[in-house]
Amino acid sequence: MSSTSTKPRPRVFDRQMSLVACVTVLGSLVVIFDTTIVHVAVPSLVRSFDTSLSAVQWVSTAYLLALAGVVPLTRWANDRFGLKRSWIASMSMFLVGSLLCGLADSMPLLIAARVVQGLGGGMLLPTGQSILARHAGPARLGRVMSIVGIPAMLGPLLGPILGGLILSSFSWRWIFIVNLPVGAIALALAVVVLDRGGPGESRRLDVVGLCLLPPGLALLVYGITDFGSTGAVTAPVVVGSGLGVALLCGFVFHALRAEHPLLDLRLWKNRAFRAAGSSLFLYLAGTNAVLFLIQLYFQFARGASALESALLVAPSAFGAMLVLLFAGCVMERFGARALALCGLAMVFLGVLPMAFIGPDTSDVWLAACWFVRGVGVGAASTPLTTASYLTLRSADIPGASTLMSINQYVAGALGTAVVAVLLQHQVDGITGGRGVDALAELDDAARAQLSPSLADAFATLSWLPIALTVLAVIPALLLPGRAEKAS
């Protein structure tokens, strides 16, 4: 046999890389699960606290805004304290917040505990990505990110299923308490596995950016959410939204001129990063919107339990897992652009039937559609999360992971908030102005009577995630193709 001169590719996961991946994946999972697991518990929280849907919506919105608010501090904290210390401190605070959520006995306390949880969890994902990038090195970066990104993309799909399983046997408190053993394992591994490292380049904290970006995001989403709950353009809606937009514009103006801004917006000049980030924003906004809608539809309009509604969307997770196992290899062969476009097309085909749903639409048919959607999620998520890093310098990856994380969190917050606003207005006409809150009190007879109108309302709102998926195709056309090499 003749020997070959081809140099073998470096092994993707050696022992150390596998252990580091376990730590960061566990950290990512608990944070991402908690962005969607609450969706399935919304009816339980409405009943337990005897409150409105708009109030319960802040349990999700406050968490996402806290995540987005603390993420910009990641680069500074990692440079100041080192990756290991930052990750351990963030996980510890997240677990304290989870415990407080499980113990909360009022809605204000639960929302406050979710803020603590979000402030702790916000740095886990970008810091974990920086840790992975440092350990992987340039030769393994693309393949490591694509494989380790599997749990991150499955989180929004598996979160409702896990929530349904928990709520079928336990109270809503356990959807937060379940984080404690998982987080404790991750912390113990982190202490042993992660090397201490040292602080990076010490840079001053961008105080101006810190005063502009987090409050701008919070005020903008507050304005949208308050509009949904009041149904009118009130002074708080106008002032909150207007001030939020002004602060965000001020941050953009500042960030493009500062030497070390809180978020390095100059990375958007990179074509692949800009394309992946824009497409991912639209795709994730649509994903959070449709997950919010489908859980409420099954539980409120069809009377399904939390577990039944979770199992009805479970085929989406199975479809995604089938594709994610080999999506990285397919992307290497055909390029990020081709795989992302195929994935978005499948997502579109899977969600489109929701726009034509009726009171008698078969559950089997809906489950089949969600399986198709899951296949699309598996195909689209790998190129959209990986392509942005492949054409960046290694020195830019920490800043890029921070920017992509805040992009992800804001997309989720806005997607959920906007669809909640629209749903409130749709259902007002059906319930005589009582809104979505009245749906939690329907008995079987009243639900059967309103079923056709409710199906029409949810079908109409399904056009929002469908439109966002179509829009996500436009920037995806600019993703790297097969022949384009990483710089």
Protein backbone atom coordinates (compact mmCIF):
# COMPACT_ATOMS: atom_id res chain seq x y z
CA MET A 1 0.00 0.00 0.00
CA SER A 2 1.26 3.45 -0.80
CA SER A 3 1.47 5.97 1.92
CA THR A 4 -0.40 9.18 1.60
CA SER A 5 1.10 12.59 2.09
CA THR A 6 -2.17 14.13 3.13
CA LYS A 7 -1.87 15.59 6.59
CA PRO A 8 -4.68 14.29 8.84
CA ARG A 9 -7.12 16.83 10.18
CA PRO A 10 -6.75 17.55 13.90
CA ARG A 11 -9.04 15.56 16.14
CA VAL A 12 -12.06 17.69 16.98
CA PHE A 13 -12.73 16.45 20.51
CA ASP A 14 -9.81 15.20 22.58
CA ARG A 15 -10.33 14.57 26.30
CA GLN A 16 -9.72 18.15 27.41
CA MET A 17 -11.87 19.62 24.64
CA SER A 18 -14.71 17.23 25.52
CA LEU A 19 -14.61 18.22 29.21
CA VAL A 20 -14.54 21.93 28.39
CA ALA A 21 -17.45 21.42 25.99
CA CYS A 22 -19.46 19.65 28.71
CA VAL A 23 -19.02 22.60 31.07
CA THR A 24 -20.00 25.25 28.54
CA VAL A 25 -22.88 23.23 27.05
CA LEU A 26 -24.44 22.68 30.49
CA GLY A 27 -24.17 26.41 31.15
CA SER A 28 -25.75 27.26 27.80
CA LEU A 29 -28.55 24.73 28.24
CA VAL A 30 -29.87 26.02 31.57
CA VAL A 31 -29.92 29.60 30.25
CA ILE A 32 -31.56 28.76 26.92
CA PHE A 33 -34.08 26.37 28.48
CA ASP A 34 -35.24 29.16 30.75
CA THR A 35 -35.97 31.44 27.79
CA THR A 36 -38.67 29.05 26.51
CA ILE A 37 -39.63 26.73 29.35
CA VAL A 38 -41.79 29.47 30.89
CA HIS A 39 -43.99 29.58 27.76
CA VAL A 40 -45.60 26.29 28.65
CA ALA A 41 -46.15 27.44 32.25
CA VAL A 42 -47.99 30.66 31.34
CA PRO A 43 -51.51 29.28 32.02
CA SER A 44 -50.33 27.77 35.33
CA LEU A 45 -48.83 31.10 36.43
CA VAL A 46 -51.99 33.01 35.43
CA ARG A 47 -54.09 30.67 37.57
CA SER A 48 -51.66 30.35 40.50
CA PHE A 49 -51.21 34.08 40.98
CA ASP A 50 -54.71 35.03 39.79
CA THR A 51 -53.22 37.67 37.53
CA SER A 52 -53.28 38.76 33.88
CA LEU A 53 -51.36 37.42 30.91
CA SER A 54 -49.65 40.79 30.46
CA ALA A 55 -48.28 40.54 34.01
CA VAL A 56 -47.10 36.96 33.50
CA GLN A 57 -45.50 38.00 30.21
CA TRP A 58 -43.02 40.05 32.26
CA VAL A 59 -41.71 36.79 33.74
CA SER A 60 -40.27 36.07 30.28
CA THR A 61 -39.59 39.64 29.19
CA ALA A 62 -37.76 40.66 32.38
CA TYR A 63 -35.50 37.60 32.08
CA LEU A 64 -34.67 38.30 28.45
CA LEU A 65 -34.03 41.98 29.08
CA ALA A 66 -31.73 41.16 32.00
CA LEU A 67 -29.85 38.75 29.76
CA ALA A 68 -29.50 41.37 27.05
CA GLY A 69 -28.56 44.08 29.54
CA VAL A 70 -25.65 42.21 31.11
CA VAL A 71 -24.25 40.63 27.93
CA PRO A 72 -22.49 43.86 26.83
CA LEU A 73 -20.39 43.68 30.00
CA THR A 74 -19.01 40.26 29.02
CA ARG A 75 -15.90 41.38 27.12
CA TRP A 76 -14.91 43.84 29.86
CA ALA A 77 -15.53 41.31 32.67
CA ASN A 78 -13.61 38.55 30.89
CA ASP A 79 -10.64 40.84 30.35
CA ARG A 80 -10.79 42.18 33.89
CA PHE A 81 -11.30 38.92 35.82
CA GLY A 82 -10.49 36.12 33.36
CA LEU A 83 -12.80 33.66 31.58
CA LYS A 84 -12.94 31.05 34.35
CA ARG A 85 -13.80 33.48 37.14
CA SER A 86 -16.41 35.25 35.02
CA TRP A 87 -18.09 31.98 34.05
CA ILE A 88 -18.18 30.64 37.64
CA ALA A 89 -19.51 33.94 39.03
CA SER A 90 -22.21 34.09 36.36
CA MET A 91 -23.35 30.52 36.96
CA SER A 92 -23.44 31.09 40.72
CA MET A 93 -25.66 34.16 40.34
CA PHE A 94 -27.91 32.30 37.88
CA LEU A 95 -28.43 29.51 40.42
CA VAL A 96 -29.24 32.01 43.19
CA GLY A 97 -31.84 33.56 40.87
CA SER A 98 -33.27 30.13 40.06
CA LEU A 99 -33.67 29.35 43.76
CA LEU A 100 -35.38 32.70 44.36
CA CYS A 101 -37.76 32.02 41.45
CA GLY A 102 -38.72 28.67 42.95
CA LEU A 103 -39.42 30.30 46.33
CA ALA A 104 -41.31 33.37 45.04
CA ASP A 105 -44.81 33.77 46.50
CA SER A 106 -45.97 36.77 44.47
CA MET A 107 -45.73 37.96 40.88
CA PRO A 108 -43.49 41.00 41.66
CA LEU A 109 -41.08 38.74 43.57
CA LEU A 110 -41.03 36.21 40.73
CA ILE A 111 -40.28 38.93 38.17
CA ALA A 112 -37.52 40.35 40.41
CA ALA A 113 -36.03 36.87 40.84
CA ARG A 114 -36.09 36.41 37.06
CA VAL A 115 -34.05 39.61 36.73
CA VAL A 116 -31.45 38.18 39.11
CA GLN A 117 -31.48 34.94 37.14
CA GLY A 118 -31.04 36.80 33.86
CA LEU A 119 -28.22 38.99 35.17
CA GLY A 120 -26.35 35.85 36.16
CA GLY A 121 -27.10 33.90 33.00
CA GLY A 122 -26.41 36.64 30.49
CA MET A 123 -22.65 36.12 30.42
CA LEU A 124 -22.70 32.31 30.37
CA LEU A 125 -23.30 31.85 26.65
CA PRO A 126 -20.79 34.39 25.24
CA THR A 127 -18.17 33.54 27.89
CA GLY A 128 -18.63 29.85 27.13
CA GLN A 129 -18.14 30.52 23.42
CA SER A 130 -14.94 32.44 24.16
CA ILE A 131 -13.68 29.56 26.32
CA LEU A 132 -14.41 27.11 23.52
CA ALA A 133 -12.72 29.30 20.92
CA ARG A 134 -9.59 29.58 23.07
CA HIS A 135 -9.36 25.82 23.59
CA ALA A 136 -10.31 24.84 20.03
CA GLY A 137 -7.90 27.09 18.14
CA PRO A 138 -8.42 28.21 14.53
CA ALA A 139 -8.12 24.72 12.99
CA ARG A 140 -11.01 23.26 15.02
CA LEU A 141 -13.12 26.36 15.63
CA GLY A 142 -15.75 25.86 12.93
CA ARG A 143 -16.37 22.19 13.69
CA VAL A 144 -16.38 22.69 17.47
CA MET A 145 -18.86 25.58 17.25
CA SER A 146 -21.18 23.62 14.95
CA ILE A 147 -21.23 20.54 17.20
CA VAL A 148 -21.41 22.35 20.53
CA GLY A 149 -24.12 24.62 19.10
CA ILE A 150 -26.50 21.66 18.86
CA PRO A 151 -27.81 21.96 22.44
CA ALA A 152 -28.14 25.72 22.08
CA MET A 153 -30.43 25.31 19.06
CA LEU A 154 -32.35 22.43 20.64
CA GLY A 155 -33.01 24.47 23.78
CA PRO A 156 -36.00 26.41 22.38
CA LEU A 157 -37.47 23.13 21.10
CA LEU A 158 -36.85 20.96 24.15
CA GLY A 159 -37.68 23.65 26.73
CA PRO A 160 -41.47 23.38 26.31
CA ILE A 161 -41.27 19.57 26.40
CA LEU A 162 -39.28 19.61 29.64
CA GLY A 163 -41.69 22.18 31.06
CA GLY A 164 -44.68 20.05 30.14
CA LEU A 165 -43.17 16.97 31.76
CA ILE A 166 -42.43 18.90 34.96
CA LEU A 167 -45.86 20.54 35.14
CA SER A 168 -47.63 17.21 34.59
CA SER A 169 -46.39 15.97 37.98
CA PHE A 170 -45.10 18.98 39.93
CA SER A 171 -45.91 22.65 40.50
CA TRP A 172 -44.58 25.46 38.33
CA ARG A 173 -41.83 26.09 40.92
CA TRP A 174 -39.93 23.03 39.72
CA ILE A 175 -39.28 24.52 36.28
CA PHE A 176 -36.80 26.78 38.09
CA ILE A 177 -35.61 24.43 40.84
CA VAL A 178 -34.55 21.85 38.23
CA ASN A 179 -31.73 24.23 37.29
CA LEU A 180 -30.02 23.74 40.66
CA PRO A 181 -28.62 20.19 40.26
CA VAL A 182 -27.63 20.80 36.61
CA GLY A 183 -25.90 24.06 37.49
CA ALA A 184 -24.16 22.50 40.49
CA ILE A 185 -22.68 19.79 38.26
CA ALA A 186 -21.50 22.42 35.78
CA LEU A 187 -19.92 24.48 38.57
CA ALA A 188 -18.05 21.49 39.99
CA LEU A 189 -16.73 20.58 36.54
CA ALA A 190 -15.72 24.18 35.84
CA VAL A 191 -13.60 24.39 38.98
CA VAL A 192 -11.68 21.27 37.96
CA VAL A 193 -11.66 21.45 34.15
CA LEU A 194 -11.26 25.08 33.16
CA ASP A 195 -7.76 26.44 33.38
CA ARG A 196 -7.45 29.57 35.42
CA GLY A 197 -5.96 31.62 32.65
CA GLY A 198 -5.24 35.24 33.24
CA PRO A 199 -6.95 38.54 32.66
CA GLY A 200 -6.72 39.76 29.11
CA GLU A 201 -6.02 43.27 27.95
CA SER A 202 -7.30 45.59 30.66
CA ARG A 203 -9.70 48.12 29.19
CA ARG A 204 -11.85 50.80 30.73
CA LEU A 205 -15.55 50.09 31.13
CA ASP A 206 -17.64 52.01 28.60
CA VAL A 207 -19.80 53.84 31.13
CA VAL A 208 -21.53 55.94 28.48
CA GLY A 209 -22.55 52.84 26.55
CA LEU A 210 -23.69 51.17 29.77
CA CYS A 211 -25.99 54.12 30.47
CA LEU A 212 -27.45 54.04 26.95
CA LEU A 213 -27.86 50.44 25.77
CA PRO A 214 -29.50 48.40 28.59
CA PRO A 215 -32.08 51.05 29.58
CA GLY A 216 -32.81 51.72 25.91
CA LEU A 217 -33.66 48.09 25.30
CA ALA A 218 -35.76 47.87 28.48
CA LEU A 219 -37.76 50.99 27.70
CA LEU A 220 -38.45 49.95 24.12
CA VAL A 221 -39.82 46.54 25.07
CA TYR A 222 -41.71 48.07 28.00
CA GLY A 223 -43.49 50.38 25.59
CA ILE A 224 -44.45 47.51 23.31
CA THR A 225 -45.66 45.33 26.20
CA ASP A 226 -47.62 48.12 27.86
CA PHE A 227 -49.35 48.86 24.55
CA GLY A 228 -50.43 45.22 24.39
CA SER A 229 -51.86 45.25 27.91
CA THR A 230 -53.68 48.61 27.67
CA GLY A 231 -54.70 48.43 24.02
CA ALA A 232 -54.19 52.17 23.69
CA VAL A 233 -51.44 54.64 22.84
CA THR A 234 -50.99 55.97 26.36
CA ALA A 235 -48.38 58.40 27.68
CA PRO A 236 -46.23 55.60 29.16
CA VAL A 237 -46.26 53.81 25.80
CA VAL A 238 -45.21 56.91 23.87
CA VAL A 239 -42.63 58.10 26.41
CA GLY A 240 -41.19 54.64 27.05
CA SER A 241 -40.88 53.63 23.40
CA GLY A 242 -39.67 57.05 22.27
CA LEU A 243 -37.02 57.32 24.98
CA GLY A 244 -35.93 53.75 24.32
CA VAL A 245 -35.41 54.43 20.62
CA ALA A 246 -33.56 57.67 21.42
CA LEU A 247 -31.20 55.89 23.83
CA LEU A 248 -30.50 53.12 21.31
CA CYS A 249 -29.76 55.66 18.57
CA GLY A 250 -27.48 57.47 20.98
CA PHE A 251 -25.64 54.24 21.68
CA VAL A 252 -25.11 53.54 17.98
CA PHE A 253 -23.73 57.07 17.50
CA HIS A 254 -21.42 56.64 20.52
CA ALA A 255 -20.30 53.07 19.74
CA LEU A 256 -19.16 53.90 16.21
CA ARG A 257 -16.83 56.58 17.58
CA ALA A 258 -15.56 55.14 20.87
CA GLU A 259 -12.20 53.36 20.97
CA HIS A 260 -13.47 50.49 23.14
CA PRO A 261 -17.29 50.57 23.04
CA LEU A 262 -19.52 48.31 25.12
CA LEU A 263 -20.47 46.52 21.88
CA ASP A 264 -18.14 46.60 18.89
CA LEU A 265 -20.64 47.49 16.17
CA ARG A 266 -17.80 47.73 13.65
CA LEU A 267 -17.94 43.94 13.34
CA TRP A 268 -21.09 44.44 11.27
CA LYS A 269 -18.80 45.61 8.47
CA ASN A 270 -17.83 41.96 7.96
CA ARG A 271 -20.23 40.63 5.31
CA ALA A 272 -20.61 37.10 6.68
CA PHE A 273 -21.08 38.33 10.25
CA ARG A 274 -23.65 40.92 9.16
CA ALA A 275 -25.55 38.41 7.05
CA ALA A 276 -25.59 35.72 9.74
CA GLY A 277 -26.54 38.16 12.49
CA SER A 278 -29.37 39.76 10.52
CA SER A 279 -30.80 36.44 9.38
CA LEU A 280 -30.47 34.95 12.86
CA PHE A 281 -32.28 37.92 14.41
CA LEU A 282 -35.29 37.55 12.12
CA TYR A 283 -35.30 33.76 12.41
CA LEU A 284 -35.14 33.78 16.24
CA ALA A 285 -37.80 36.48 16.54
CA GLY A 286 -40.08 34.28 14.45
CA THR A 287 -39.15 31.17 16.44
CA ASN A 288 -39.99 32.75 19.80
CA ALA A 289 -43.21 34.19 18.40
CA VAL A 290 -44.47 30.86 17.03
CA LEU A 291 -43.47 28.93 20.18
CA PHE A 292 -45.38 31.44 22.30
CA LEU A 293 -48.42 31.18 20.03
CA ILE A 294 -48.51 27.40 19.70
CA GLN A 295 -48.36 26.76 23.46
CA LEU A 296 -51.20 29.19 24.14
CA TYR A 297 -53.23 27.81 21.23
CA PHE A 298 -53.05 24.20 22.37
CA GLN A 299 -53.76 25.01 26.03
CA PHE A 300 -56.30 27.84 25.74
CA ALA A 301 -58.05 27.14 22.44
CA ARG A 302 -57.96 23.32 22.53
CA GLY A 303 -57.92 22.70 26.27
CA ALA A 304 -54.74 20.61 26.21
CA SER A 305 -52.68 20.15 29.34
CA ALA A 306 -49.13 21.52 29.59
CA LEU A 307 -47.72 18.04 28.90
CA GLU A 308 -50.07 17.39 25.97
CA SER A 309 -49.21 20.72 24.35
CA ALA A 310 -45.49 20.04 24.81
CA LEU A 311 -45.78 16.57 23.27
CA LEU A 312 -47.67 17.97 20.28
CA VAL A 313 -44.62 20.10 19.39
CA ALA A 314 -42.08 17.41 20.32
CA PRO A 315 -41.71 16.23 16.68
CA SER A 316 -39.98 19.53 15.97
CA ALA A 317 -37.17 18.61 18.38
CA PHE A 318 -36.83 15.14 16.86
CA GLY A 319 -36.62 16.58 13.35
CA ALA A 320 -33.94 19.04 14.44
CA MET A 321 -31.86 16.35 16.14
CA LEU A 322 -31.87 14.19 13.01
CA VAL A 323 -30.35 16.99 10.95
CA LEU A 324 -28.06 18.59 13.53
CA LEU A 325 -26.04 15.38 13.82
CA PHE A 326 -24.56 15.85 10.36
CA ALA A 327 -25.31 19.50 9.55
CA GLY A 328 -21.68 20.52 10.17
CA CYS A 329 -20.37 18.07 7.56
CA VAL A 330 -23.02 19.16 5.06
CA MET A 331 -22.07 22.80 5.59
CA GLU A 332 -18.39 22.05 4.96
CA ARG A 333 -19.29 20.36 1.67
CA PHE A 334 -21.96 22.69 0.29
CA GLY A 335 -21.32 25.94 2.16
CA ALA A 336 -23.26 27.91 4.76
CA ARG A 337 -25.49 29.71 2.27
CA ALA A 338 -27.00 26.61 0.65
CA LEU A 339 -27.69 24.85 3.95
CA ALA A 340 -29.22 27.95 5.58
CA LEU A 341 -31.54 28.59 2.63
CA CYS A 342 -32.71 24.97 2.59
CA GLY A 343 -33.31 25.11 6.33
CA LEU A 344 -35.30 28.34 6.19
CA ALA A 345 -37.41 26.92 3.37
CA MET A 346 -38.26 23.89 5.53
CA VAL A 347 -39.11 26.16 8.49
CA PHE A 348 -41.43 28.12 6.20
CA LEU A 349 -43.16 24.96 4.98
CA GLY A 350 -43.55 23.67 8.53
CA VAL A 351 -45.11 26.88 9.92
CA LEU A 352 -47.24 27.81 6.89
CA PRO A 353 -50.08 25.34 7.72
CA MET A 354 -50.56 27.20 11.03
CA ALA A 355 -51.99 30.10 9.01
CA PHE A 356 -54.83 27.84 7.86
CA ILE A 357 -55.53 26.08 11.14
CA GLY A 358 -59.12 25.37 12.11
CA PRO A 359 -60.95 24.00 15.14
CA ASP A 360 -60.99 20.51 13.63
CA THR A 361 -57.44 20.44 12.25
CA SER A 362 -55.89 17.06 13.02
CA ASP A 363 -53.31 16.90 15.79
CA VAL A 364 -51.42 14.35 13.70
CA TRP A 365 -51.23 16.82 10.82
CA LEU A 366 -49.97 19.58 13.10
CA ALA A 367 -47.35 17.25 14.60
CA ALA A 368 -46.17 16.32 11.09
CA CYS A 369 -45.85 20.00 10.20
CA TRP A 370 -43.79 20.60 13.33
CA PHE A 371 -41.51 17.74 12.38
CA VAL A 372 -40.88 19.45 9.03
CA ARG A 373 -40.22 22.70 10.87
CA GLY A 374 -37.76 20.91 13.15
CA VAL A 375 -35.83 19.59 10.16
CA GLY A 376 -35.58 23.17 8.94
CA VAL A 377 -34.43 24.40 12.35
CA GLY A 378 -31.68 21.78 12.37
CA ALA A 379 -30.52 22.75 8.89
CA ALA A 380 -30.67 26.54 9.39
CA SER A 381 -29.21 26.85 12.89
CA THR A 382 -25.71 25.52 12.15
CA PRO A 383 -24.81 27.90 9.31
CA LEU A 384 -26.48 30.87 10.98
CA THR A 385 -24.57 30.40 14.25
CA THR A 386 -21.24 29.26 12.81
CA ALA A 387 -20.72 31.24 9.60
CA SER A 388 -20.29 34.55 11.41
CA TYR A 389 -17.17 33.30 13.24
CA LEU A 390 -15.47 31.65 10.27
CA THR A 391 -14.41 34.87 8.54
CA LEU A 392 -13.34 36.80 11.64
CA ARG A 393 -9.90 37.17 13.17
CA SER A 394 -9.46 35.17 16.37
CA ALA A 395 -9.05 38.42 18.30
CA ASP A 396 -12.55 39.49 17.21
CA ILE A 397 -14.32 36.31 18.37
CA PRO A 398 -14.97 37.41 22.01
CA GLY A 399 -16.56 40.62 20.80
CA ALA A 400 -18.50 38.75 18.13
CA SER A 401 -19.87 36.21 20.61
CA THR A 402 -21.06 39.05 22.84
CA LEU A 403 -22.76 40.82 19.95
CA MET A 404 -24.39 37.63 18.67
CA SER A 405 -25.66 36.75 22.15
CA ILE A 406 -27.34 40.11 22.67
CA ASN A 407 -28.70 39.80 19.13
CA GLN A 408 -30.26 36.47 20.12
CA TYR A 409 -31.73 37.69 23.41
CA VAL A 410 -33.23 40.88 21.97
CA ALA A 411 -34.75 38.95 19.07
CA GLY A 412 -36.44 36.61 21.53
CA ALA A 413 -37.73 39.44 23.71
CA LEU A 414 -39.13 41.48 20.82
CA GLY A 415 -40.59 38.49 18.99
CA THR A 416 -42.50 37.39 22.07
CA ALA A 417 -43.57 40.92 23.05
CA VAL A 418 -44.88 41.83 19.59
CA VAL A 419 -46.91 38.65 19.18
CA ALA A 420 -48.34 39.10 22.72
CA VAL A 421 -49.50 42.59 21.73
CA LEU A 422 -51.19 41.33 18.58
CA LEU A 423 -52.76 38.36 20.37
CA GLN A 424 -54.25 40.61 23.03
CA HIS A 425 -55.98 42.70 20.39
CA GLN A 426 -57.18 39.67 18.42
CA VAL A 427 -58.73 37.98 21.44
CA ASP A 428 -60.30 41.19 22.79
CA GLY A 429 -62.85 41.01 20.00
CA ILE A 430 -63.69 37.39 20.85
CA THR A 431 -63.99 37.72 24.64
CA GLY A 432 -65.78 41.05 24.75
CA GLY A 433 -62.74 43.09 25.72
CA ARG A 434 -61.53 40.71 28.45
CA GLY A 435 -58.47 39.72 26.42
CA VAL A 436 -56.37 36.58 26.65
CA ASP A 437 -56.85 36.39 30.42
CA ALA A 438 -60.43 35.22 29.91
CA LEU A 439 -59.23 32.16 27.98
CA ALA A 440 -57.74 30.67 31.14
CA GLU A 441 -61.21 30.58 32.71
CA LEU A 442 -63.09 28.89 29.85
CA ASP A 443 -64.94 25.66 30.56
CA ASP A 444 -65.28 22.97 27.89
CA ALA A 445 -68.64 24.22 26.63
CA ALA A 446 -67.50 27.84 26.28
CA ARG A 447 -64.26 26.72 24.64
CA ALA A 448 -66.15 24.65 22.06
CA GLN A 449 -68.35 27.64 21.25
CA LEU A 450 -65.39 29.99 20.78
CA SER A 451 -63.15 27.41 19.09
CA PRO A 452 -63.71 28.59 15.47
CA SER A 453 -63.03 32.24 16.35
CA LEU A 454 -59.96 31.34 18.40
CA ALA A 455 -58.58 29.21 15.58
CA ASP A 456 -59.03 32.13 13.16
CA ALA A 457 -57.24 34.49 15.56
CA PHE A 458 -54.23 32.22 16.03
CA ALA A 459 -54.14 31.47 12.30
CA THR A 460 -54.01 35.18 11.48
CA LEU A 461 -51.17 35.77 13.94
CA SER A 462 -49.19 32.88 12.46
CA TRP A 463 -48.45 35.07 9.46
CA LEU A 464 -46.01 37.05 11.64
CA PRO A 465 -43.47 34.21 12.16
CA ILE A 466 -44.05 33.15 8.55
CA ALA A 467 -43.16 36.65 7.34
CA LEU A 468 -40.10 36.82 9.61
CA THR A 469 -38.86 33.51 8.20
CA VAL A 470 -39.23 34.79 4.65
CA LEU A 471 -37.39 38.01 5.55
CA ALA A 472 -34.56 35.95 7.10
CA VAL A 473 -33.88 34.52 3.63
CA ILE A 474 -32.72 37.90 2.29
CA PRO A 475 -29.58 38.33 4.44
CA ALA A 476 -28.97 34.55 4.30
CA LEU A 477 -28.30 34.96 0.57
CA LEU A 478 -25.06 36.76 1.54
CA LEU A 479 -23.68 33.95 3.71
CA PRO A 480 -20.40 32.35 2.55
CA GLY A 481 -20.71 29.77 -0.20
CA ARG A 482 -18.77 26.54 -0.64
CA ALA A 483 -15.76 28.14 -2.31
CA GLU A 484 -15.32 30.96 0.21
CA LYS A 485 -12.51 30.43 2.70
CA ALA A 486 -12.23 31.79 6.19
CA SER A 487 -9.85 34.67 6.52
